[in-house]
Amino acid sequence: MLDRTATQFSHVKPSQNAYVEGGLRDFFLYRDLGIADATNGQVIAHLVKANQPPDEGTGWHRHEADFQIVIMIKGWAKFMYEDQVTLVEAGDCVHQRPGIRHFLFDYSPDMEYLEIVSPADFKTVDVEPPACEVPKPTPWK
């Protein structure tokens, strides 16, 4: 349970925090939901949406985090989790276990997801790919 003396109440409206560039991936836009500040860095929550076509994808990587979930709000995305292609569609929730190697390689132009990670300052580490091929993304029209 969170220590209530170490966290704050937070209520962020869409008009307060716009989508911005400059997040982890330059082909996405990010909207901070104020949770990192409210939890003193224990948790981050942000909305992520497509901004450019998935020409190269994210590349193989893992996160140094204790907890991570992705909840797809709109559209779809295709991930490689280790050697498995996984289609994540609107309404789906994915728990990415700590350290799982993955590659987001395709997504729809309207893709938008909520990502919640602990700790807020989690690290992303590029990794050598598993012994499998990554499918090509679907071109945007």
Protein backbone atom coordinates (compact mmCIF):
# COMPACT_ATOMS: atom_id res chain seq x y z
CA MET A 1 0.00 0.00 0.00
CA LEU A 2 1.21 3.50 -0.75
CA ASP A 3 2.28 5.57 2.20
CA ARG A 4 -0.41 8.27 2.27
CA THR A 5 1.98 10.75 3.88
CA ALA A 6 4.37 10.40 0.92
CA THR A 7 1.79 10.90 -1.84
CA GLN A 8 -0.57 13.67 -2.83
CA PHE A 9 -4.03 13.96 -4.29
CA SER A 10 -3.89 14.69 -8.03
CA HIS A 11 -6.53 15.66 -10.60
CA VAL A 12 -5.29 16.56 -14.07
CA LYS A 13 -7.67 17.72 -16.80
CA PRO A 14 -6.88 17.33 -20.51
CA SER A 15 -6.60 21.12 -20.85
CA GLN A 16 -3.82 21.20 -18.22
CA ASN A 17 -1.36 18.81 -19.84
CA ALA A 18 -1.21 18.68 -23.62
CA TYR A 19 0.38 15.94 -25.70
CA VAL A 20 4.04 16.78 -26.32
CA GLU A 21 7.01 15.46 -28.23
CA GLY A 22 10.24 14.62 -26.48
CA GLY A 23 9.28 11.40 -24.73
CA LEU A 24 11.01 8.06 -25.01
CA ARG A 25 10.16 7.68 -28.74
CA ASP A 26 10.17 10.55 -31.25
CA PHE A 27 7.35 8.98 -33.30
CA PHE A 28 4.91 9.15 -30.36
CA LEU A 29 3.33 12.01 -28.41
CA TYR A 30 3.06 11.84 -24.63
CA ARG A 31 0.62 13.36 -22.13
CA ASP A 32 1.74 13.35 -18.52
CA LEU A 33 -1.06 12.57 -16.06
CA GLY A 34 0.63 14.07 -12.98
CA ILE A 35 1.10 10.77 -11.17
CA ALA A 36 4.90 10.90 -10.93
CA ASP A 37 4.67 14.19 -9.04
CA ALA A 38 1.78 12.99 -6.87
CA THR A 39 3.64 9.80 -5.87
CA ASN A 40 7.07 11.42 -5.49
CA GLY A 41 8.43 9.31 -8.32
CA GLN A 42 7.02 5.97 -7.21
CA VAL A 43 4.77 5.61 -10.30
CA ILE A 44 4.40 7.29 -13.68
CA ALA A 45 1.24 7.28 -15.78
CA HIS A 46 1.03 8.83 -19.21
CA LEU A 47 -1.00 8.59 -22.36
CA VAL A 48 0.93 7.72 -25.50
CA LYS A 49 -0.36 8.17 -29.03
CA ALA A 50 0.88 7.67 -32.56
CA ASN A 51 2.41 10.72 -34.19
CA GLN A 52 4.30 9.23 -37.15
CA PRO A 53 4.17 5.91 -39.04
CA PRO A 54 6.02 2.92 -37.52
CA ASP A 55 8.87 2.86 -40.04
CA GLU A 56 11.45 1.25 -37.75
CA GLY A 57 9.50 0.58 -34.56
CA THR A 58 11.07 0.72 -31.14
CA GLY A 59 13.83 -1.81 -31.65
CA TRP A 60 14.45 -4.62 -29.17
CA HIS A 61 14.59 -3.35 -25.61
CA ARG A 62 13.64 -4.05 -22.02
CA HIS A 63 12.72 -1.82 -19.12
CA GLU A 64 14.31 -1.76 -15.71
CA ALA A 65 11.05 -1.43 -13.80
CA ASP A 66 9.21 -3.21 -11.02
CA PHE A 67 5.79 -2.93 -12.67
CA GLN A 68 4.46 -1.95 -16.10
CA ILE A 69 1.07 -2.18 -17.76
CA VAL A 70 -0.23 -0.93 -21.08
CA ILE A 71 -3.96 -0.39 -21.58
CA MET A 72 -4.90 0.21 -25.22
CA ILE A 73 -7.50 2.97 -25.44
CA LYS A 74 -7.82 3.39 -29.22
CA GLY A 75 -6.59 1.55 -32.26
CA TRP A 76 -4.10 -1.31 -32.06
CA ALA A 77 -0.41 -2.10 -31.79
CA LYS A 78 1.64 -5.18 -32.58
CA PHE A 79 4.46 -6.17 -30.26
CA MET A 80 7.01 -8.92 -30.25
CA TYR A 81 7.24 -10.20 -26.66
CA GLU A 82 10.31 -12.43 -26.74
CA ASP A 83 9.42 -14.61 -29.78
CA GLN A 84 5.64 -14.09 -29.78
CA VAL A 85 3.71 -11.65 -31.99
CA THR A 86 1.04 -10.03 -29.80
CA LEU A 87 -1.79 -7.89 -31.19
CA VAL A 88 -2.97 -5.42 -28.55
CA GLU A 89 -6.33 -3.86 -29.42
CA ALA A 90 -8.55 -1.20 -27.84
CA GLY A 91 -9.71 -2.44 -24.43
CA ASP A 92 -6.77 -4.86 -23.96
CA CYS A 93 -4.48 -4.70 -20.94
CA VAL A 94 -0.92 -6.05 -21.04
CA HIS A 95 1.25 -6.62 -17.99
CA GLN A 96 4.86 -6.47 -19.16
CA ARG A 97 6.75 -8.49 -16.59
CA PRO A 98 10.00 -6.89 -15.38
CA GLY A 99 12.81 -7.31 -17.90
CA ILE A 100 10.78 -8.87 -20.73
CA ARG A 101 12.43 -8.22 -24.10
CA HIS A 102 10.02 -6.64 -26.53
CA PHE A 103 9.69 -4.66 -29.76
CA LEU A 104 6.69 -2.52 -30.75
CA PHE A 105 6.83 -2.85 -34.53
CA ASP A 106 3.43 -1.80 -35.88
CA TYR A 107 0.47 0.35 -34.85
CA SER A 108 -2.58 2.08 -36.27
CA PRO A 109 -2.61 5.84 -36.96
CA ASP A 110 -5.18 6.30 -34.17
CA MET A 111 -3.27 4.20 -31.60
CA GLU A 112 -3.44 5.56 -28.07
CA TYR A 113 -2.59 3.78 -24.84
CA LEU A 114 -2.24 4.40 -21.13
CA GLU A 115 1.06 3.27 -19.67
CA ILE A 116 1.66 2.91 -15.93
CA VAL A 117 5.17 2.12 -14.70
CA SER A 118 6.95 1.91 -11.37
CA PRO A 119 9.28 3.53 -10.59
CA ALA A 120 8.64 6.74 -12.53
CA ASP A 121 12.30 7.03 -13.54
CA PHE A 122 12.45 3.54 -15.07
CA LYS A 123 15.26 2.87 -17.53
CA THR A 124 15.00 1.53 -21.09
CA VAL A 125 17.86 -0.70 -22.20
CA ASP A 126 18.48 -1.72 -25.81
CA VAL A 127 19.06 -5.48 -26.12
CA GLU A 128 20.20 -7.92 -28.76
CA PRO A 129 17.18 -9.46 -30.47
CA PRO A 130 15.97 -12.95 -29.67
CA ALA A 131 16.39 -15.52 -32.42
CA CYS A 132 13.31 -14.49 -34.38
CA GLU A 133 12.38 -12.19 -37.21
CA VAL A 134 10.22 -9.10 -36.66
CA PRO A 135 7.40 -8.65 -39.21
CA LYS A 136 7.27 -5.48 -41.28
CA PRO A 137 4.83 -2.73 -40.27
CA THR A 138 1.67 -2.02 -42.25
CA PRO A 139 2.16 1.17 -44.34
CA TRP A 140 -0.13 4.06 -43.39
CA LYS A 141 -2.37 5.31 -46.18
